[in-house]
Amino acid sequence: MTRGRRKHIPQRTCVACRAVRPKRALIRIVRTPEGEVRVDERGKQSGRGAYLCAQRVCWEEALRRRRLDTALRTTLDEATMETLRAYAQSLPERLEEAEAPEGQGM
């Protein structure tokens, strides 16, 4: 009999809510070597990265408190902030909303 080894799952911390989650459950924002800040959908771009949960409240918190500035060691300009806010609008308000079955209420 052979025992299967568990595959290591990399963990990352959300810069807004400080929750530790699997790397693939978070969205990476990267500051490229050229200094451009963008959303890294695949998580493979070179540069300094920061992670946020896939929920709008974490993105709003990170932008409001300038947590991405600190994590990426840069100052985000207004155009970049607007691009990130626009991306956040496509996300659910909270992760529980995306996972909860519809029709549950009082």
N, C-alpha and C. Protein backbone atom coordinates (compact mmCIF):
# COMPACT_ATOMS: atom_id res chain seq x y z
N MET A 1 0.83 -1.20 0.00
CA MET A 1 0.00 0.00 0.00
C MET A 1 0.87 1.25 0.00
N THR A 2 0.46 2.21 -0.77
CA THR A 2 1.18 3.49 -0.77
C THR A 2 0.28 4.55 -0.17
N ARG A 3 0.89 5.32 0.64
CA ARG A 3 0.14 6.43 1.23
C ARG A 3 0.31 7.65 0.35
N GLY A 4 -0.80 8.28 0.00
CA GLY A 4 -0.72 9.49 -0.81
C GLY A 4 -0.28 10.67 0.04
N ARG A 5 0.59 11.47 -0.54
CA ARG A 5 1.03 12.66 0.17
C ARG A 5 0.06 13.78 -0.11
N ARG A 6 -0.24 14.55 0.89
CA ARG A 6 -1.08 15.73 0.69
C ARG A 6 -0.29 16.78 -0.05
N LYS A 7 -0.94 17.40 -1.00
CA LYS A 7 -0.28 18.47 -1.74
C LYS A 7 -0.28 19.74 -0.89
N HIS A 8 0.86 20.40 -0.87
CA HIS A 8 0.98 21.65 -0.13
C HIS A 8 0.13 22.73 -0.80
N ILE A 9 -0.67 23.44 -0.04
CA ILE A 9 -1.48 24.53 -0.57
C ILE A 9 -0.93 25.83 0.00
N PRO A 10 -0.36 26.69 -0.86
CA PRO A 10 0.20 27.96 -0.38
C PRO A 10 -0.88 28.84 0.25
N GLN A 11 -0.56 29.46 1.35
CA GLN A 11 -1.48 30.35 2.06
C GLN A 11 -1.01 31.80 1.91
N ARG A 12 -1.94 32.73 1.81
CA ARG A 12 -1.63 34.16 1.75
C ARG A 12 -2.59 34.90 2.67
N THR A 13 -2.22 36.12 3.05
CA THR A 13 -3.02 36.93 3.95
C THR A 13 -3.60 38.12 3.20
N CYS A 14 -4.88 38.36 3.37
CA CYS A 14 -5.55 39.53 2.78
C CYS A 14 -5.03 40.78 3.50
N VAL A 15 -4.61 41.80 2.74
CA VAL A 15 -4.06 42.99 3.37
C VAL A 15 -5.14 43.83 4.04
N ALA A 16 -6.41 43.58 3.74
CA ALA A 16 -7.49 44.37 4.35
C ALA A 16 -8.02 43.72 5.63
N CYS A 17 -8.51 42.47 5.53
CA CYS A 17 -9.14 41.83 6.69
C CYS A 17 -8.20 40.92 7.46
N ARG A 18 -6.98 40.69 6.94
CA ARG A 18 -5.95 39.86 7.56
C ARG A 18 -6.34 38.38 7.64
N ALA A 19 -7.34 37.94 6.88
CA ALA A 19 -7.71 36.53 6.86
C ALA A 19 -6.67 35.76 6.05
N VAL A 20 -6.30 34.58 6.56
CA VAL A 20 -5.36 33.72 5.85
C VAL A 20 -6.19 32.71 5.06
N ARG A 21 -5.97 32.70 3.75
CA ARG A 21 -6.72 31.82 2.86
C ARG A 21 -5.77 31.19 1.85
N PRO A 22 -6.24 30.13 1.16
CA PRO A 22 -5.42 29.58 0.09
C PRO A 22 -5.14 30.65 -0.97
N LYS A 23 -3.94 30.63 -1.52
CA LYS A 23 -3.51 31.63 -2.48
C LYS A 23 -4.50 31.79 -3.63
N ARG A 24 -5.04 30.70 -4.12
CA ARG A 24 -5.97 30.75 -5.25
C ARG A 24 -7.32 31.36 -4.90
N ALA A 25 -7.65 31.47 -3.62
CA ALA A 25 -8.92 32.06 -3.21
C ALA A 25 -8.83 33.59 -3.13
N LEU A 26 -7.63 34.12 -3.24
CA LEU A 26 -7.41 35.57 -3.14
C LEU A 26 -7.05 36.13 -4.51
N ILE A 27 -7.19 37.44 -4.65
CA ILE A 27 -6.83 38.13 -5.88
C ILE A 27 -5.55 38.90 -5.64
N ARG A 28 -4.60 38.75 -6.54
CA ARG A 28 -3.29 39.40 -6.40
C ARG A 28 -3.27 40.72 -7.14
N ILE A 29 -2.75 41.73 -6.49
CA ILE A 29 -2.48 43.03 -7.11
C ILE A 29 -0.96 43.13 -7.15
N VAL A 30 -0.42 43.53 -8.28
CA VAL A 30 1.03 43.54 -8.45
C VAL A 30 1.52 44.92 -8.86
N ARG A 31 2.70 45.29 -8.31
CA ARG A 31 3.43 46.47 -8.80
C ARG A 31 4.56 45.91 -9.64
N THR A 32 4.46 46.15 -10.94
CA THR A 32 5.45 45.60 -11.87
C THR A 32 6.79 46.29 -11.69
N PRO A 33 7.86 45.71 -12.22
CA PRO A 33 9.17 46.37 -12.14
C PRO A 33 9.17 47.76 -12.79
N GLU A 34 8.25 48.00 -13.72
CA GLU A 34 8.13 49.32 -14.35
C GLU A 34 7.37 50.32 -13.48
N GLY A 35 6.77 49.85 -12.38
CA GLY A 35 6.05 50.72 -11.47
C GLY A 35 4.55 50.77 -11.69
N GLU A 36 4.04 50.02 -12.64
CA GLU A 36 2.60 49.99 -12.92
C GLU A 36 1.91 49.06 -11.92
N VAL A 37 0.75 49.48 -11.41
CA VAL A 37 -0.02 48.65 -10.48
C VAL A 37 -1.24 48.13 -11.23
N ARG A 38 -1.42 46.79 -11.17
CA ARG A 38 -2.55 46.20 -11.87
C ARG A 38 -3.02 44.93 -11.17
N VAL A 39 -4.21 44.48 -11.52
CA VAL A 39 -4.75 43.23 -10.99
C VAL A 39 -4.07 42.10 -11.76
N ASP A 40 -3.56 41.14 -11.03
CA ASP A 40 -2.88 39.99 -11.62
C ASP A 40 -3.79 38.78 -11.48
N GLU A 41 -4.64 38.57 -12.48
CA GLU A 41 -5.64 37.49 -12.43
C GLU A 41 -5.01 36.11 -12.23
N ARG A 42 -3.91 35.85 -12.91
CA ARG A 42 -3.29 34.53 -12.85
C ARG A 42 -2.31 34.38 -11.70
N GLY A 43 -1.88 35.50 -11.10
CA GLY A 43 -0.95 35.43 -9.98
C GLY A 43 0.47 35.07 -10.38
N LYS A 44 0.85 35.34 -11.63
CA LYS A 44 2.15 34.93 -12.13
C LYS A 44 3.04 36.09 -12.56
N GLN A 45 2.52 37.30 -12.64
CA GLN A 45 3.32 38.43 -13.12
C GLN A 45 4.46 38.72 -12.17
N SER A 46 5.58 39.17 -12.73
CA SER A 46 6.71 39.50 -11.87
C SER A 46 6.47 40.86 -11.23
N GLY A 47 6.96 41.02 -10.04
CA GLY A 47 6.79 42.26 -9.32
C GLY A 47 6.34 42.00 -7.90
N ARG A 48 6.19 43.07 -7.15
CA ARG A 48 5.77 42.98 -5.75
C ARG A 48 4.27 42.80 -5.68
N GLY A 49 3.80 41.82 -4.95
CA GLY A 49 2.37 41.51 -4.91
C GLY A 49 1.75 41.73 -3.55
N ALA A 50 0.44 41.94 -3.59
CA ALA A 50 -0.39 42.01 -2.37
C ALA A 50 -1.67 41.27 -2.69
N TYR A 51 -2.29 40.70 -1.69
CA TYR A 51 -3.47 39.88 -1.90
C TYR A 51 -4.68 40.46 -1.20
N LEU A 52 -5.85 40.34 -1.86
CA LEU A 52 -7.12 40.77 -1.30
C LEU A 52 -8.15 39.66 -1.50
N CYS A 53 -9.08 39.54 -0.56
CA CYS A 53 -10.19 38.59 -0.72
C CYS A 53 -11.02 39.00 -1.92
N ALA A 54 -11.74 38.05 -2.47
CA ALA A 54 -12.59 38.32 -3.63
C ALA A 54 -13.94 38.85 -3.17
N GLN A 55 -13.91 39.87 -2.32
CA GLN A 55 -15.15 40.51 -1.86
C GLN A 55 -14.94 42.02 -1.82
N ARG A 56 -15.98 42.74 -2.17
CA ARG A 56 -15.89 44.19 -2.31
C ARG A 56 -15.50 44.89 -1.03
N VAL A 57 -15.95 44.41 0.12
CA VAL A 57 -15.64 45.11 1.38
C VAL A 57 -14.14 45.16 1.64
N CYS A 58 -13.42 44.11 1.31
CA CYS A 58 -11.95 44.12 1.51
C CYS A 58 -11.29 45.11 0.56
N TRP A 59 -11.74 45.17 -0.68
CA TRP A 59 -11.16 46.10 -1.64
C TRP A 59 -11.40 47.54 -1.21
N GLU A 60 -12.64 47.84 -0.77
CA GLU A 60 -12.94 49.20 -0.33
C GLU A 60 -12.12 49.57 0.89
N GLU A 61 -11.97 48.66 1.81
CA GLU A 61 -11.17 48.89 3.02
C GLU A 61 -9.70 49.14 2.65
N ALA A 62 -9.16 48.32 1.78
CA ALA A 62 -7.76 48.46 1.38
C ALA A 62 -7.51 49.79 0.68
N LEU A 63 -8.44 50.21 -0.16
CA LEU A 63 -8.27 51.48 -0.87
C LEU A 63 -8.48 52.68 0.06
N ARG A 64 -9.48 52.58 0.92
CA ARG A 64 -9.77 53.70 1.83
C ARG A 64 -8.63 53.93 2.82
N ARG A 65 -8.08 52.86 3.35
CA ARG A 65 -7.01 52.98 4.35
C ARG A 65 -5.60 52.94 3.74
N ARG A 66 -5.54 52.91 2.42
CA ARG A 66 -4.28 52.95 1.67
C ARG A 66 -3.36 51.77 2.04
N ARG A 67 -3.98 50.63 2.29
CA ARG A 67 -3.22 49.44 2.65
C ARG A 67 -2.41 48.90 1.47
N LEU A 68 -2.92 49.09 0.25
CA LEU A 68 -2.18 48.64 -0.91
C LEU A 68 -0.91 49.47 -1.11
N ASP A 69 -1.00 50.75 -0.79
CA ASP A 69 0.19 51.61 -0.88
C ASP A 69 1.31 51.04 -0.02
N THR A 70 0.96 50.66 1.19
CA THR A 70 1.94 50.12 2.13
C THR A 70 2.46 48.77 1.65
N ALA A 71 1.56 47.87 1.28
CA ALA A 71 1.95 46.52 0.89
C ALA A 71 2.79 46.52 -0.39
N LEU A 72 2.46 47.41 -1.32
CA LEU A 72 3.18 47.44 -2.60
C LEU A 72 4.36 48.41 -2.58
N ARG A 73 4.53 49.11 -1.46
CA ARG A 73 5.62 50.08 -1.29
C ARG A 73 5.63 51.12 -2.41
N THR A 74 4.46 51.72 -2.62
CA THR A 74 4.30 52.75 -3.64
C THR A 74 3.14 53.65 -3.23
N THR A 75 2.92 54.72 -3.97
CA THR A 75 1.75 55.56 -3.76
C THR A 75 0.87 55.44 -4.99
N LEU A 76 -0.35 54.96 -4.79
CA LEU A 76 -1.27 54.79 -5.91
C LEU A 76 -1.82 56.14 -6.35
N ASP A 77 -1.80 56.39 -7.65
CA ASP A 77 -2.38 57.62 -8.16
C ASP A 77 -3.90 57.43 -8.30
N GLU A 78 -4.61 58.52 -8.52
CA GLU A 78 -6.07 58.48 -8.56
C GLU A 78 -6.59 57.60 -9.70
N ALA A 79 -5.93 57.61 -10.84
CA ALA A 79 -6.36 56.79 -11.98
C ALA A 79 -6.28 55.30 -11.63
N THR A 80 -5.21 54.90 -10.97
CA THR A 80 -5.06 53.50 -10.56
C THR A 80 -6.11 53.14 -9.51
N MET A 81 -6.36 54.04 -8.57
CA MET A 81 -7.39 53.81 -7.55
C MET A 81 -8.75 53.59 -8.21
N GLU A 82 -9.07 54.39 -9.21
CA GLU A 82 -10.36 54.26 -9.91
C GLU A 82 -10.44 52.94 -10.66
N THR A 83 -9.35 52.51 -11.26
CA THR A 83 -9.32 51.23 -11.96
C THR A 83 -9.58 50.08 -10.98
N LEU A 84 -8.96 50.14 -9.82
CA LEU A 84 -9.16 49.11 -8.80
C LEU A 84 -10.57 49.16 -8.23
N ARG A 85 -11.12 50.36 -8.04
CA ARG A 85 -12.52 50.48 -7.57
C ARG A 85 -13.48 49.88 -8.59
N ALA A 86 -13.23 50.13 -9.87
CA ALA A 86 -14.09 49.59 -10.93
C ALA A 86 -14.02 48.06 -10.92
N TYR A 87 -12.84 47.50 -10.73
CA TYR A 87 -12.70 46.04 -10.65
C TYR A 87 -13.48 45.51 -9.44
N ALA A 88 -13.42 46.21 -8.33
CA ALA A 88 -14.10 45.77 -7.11
C ALA A 88 -15.61 45.72 -7.30
N GLN A 89 -16.16 46.56 -8.17
CA GLN A 89 -17.60 46.57 -8.39
C GLN A 89 -18.10 45.27 -8.99
N SER A 90 -17.22 44.51 -9.64
CA SER A 90 -17.63 43.24 -10.23
C SER A 90 -17.64 42.11 -9.19
N LEU A 91 -17.16 42.38 -8.00
CA LEU A 91 -17.07 41.36 -6.95
C LEU A 91 -18.32 41.39 -6.07
N PRO A 92 -18.64 40.26 -5.42
CA PRO A 92 -19.76 40.28 -4.47
C PRO A 92 -19.41 41.15 -3.25
N GLU A 93 -20.43 41.69 -2.60
CA GLU A 93 -20.23 42.54 -1.42
C GLU A 93 -19.44 41.78 -0.36
N ARG A 94 -19.87 40.57 -0.07
CA ARG A 94 -19.19 39.70 0.90
C ARG A 94 -19.15 38.29 0.34
N LEU A 95 -18.18 37.51 0.75
CA LEU A 95 -18.06 36.13 0.27
C LEU A 95 -19.26 35.28 0.66
N GLU A 96 -19.83 35.53 1.82
CA GLU A 96 -20.99 34.75 2.28
C GLU A 96 -22.15 34.88 1.30
N GLU A 97 -22.30 36.07 0.67
CA GLU A 97 -23.39 36.26 -0.28
C GLU A 97 -23.22 35.36 -1.49
N ALA A 98 -22.01 35.20 -1.93
CA ALA A 98 -21.75 34.37 -3.11
C ALA A 98 -21.94 32.88 -2.78
N GLU A 99 -21.70 32.49 -1.53
CA GLU A 99 -21.77 31.09 -1.16
C GLU A 99 -23.12 30.68 -0.58
N ALA A 100 -23.91 31.64 -0.09
CA ALA A 100 -25.18 31.33 0.56
C ALA A 100 -26.23 30.99 -0.49
N PRO A 101 -27.07 29.97 -0.23
CA PRO A 101 -28.16 29.66 -1.16
C PRO A 101 -29.18 30.80 -1.17
N GLU A 102 -29.78 31.01 -2.32
CA GLU A 102 -30.76 32.09 -2.43
C GLU A 102 -32.05 31.69 -1.73
N GLY A 103 -32.80 32.69 -1.33
CA GLY A 103 -34.10 32.46 -0.72
C GLY A 103 -34.05 32.28 0.78
N GLN A 104 -32.89 32.37 1.37
CA GLN A 104 -32.83 32.26 2.83
C GLN A 104 -33.02 33.63 3.44
N GLY A 105 -34.02 33.78 4.20
CA GLY A 105 -34.29 35.06 4.84
C GLY A 105 -35.15 34.83 6.05
N MET A 106 -35.68 35.92 6.60
CA MET A 106 -36.49 35.78 7.81
C MET A 106 -37.90 35.48 7.49
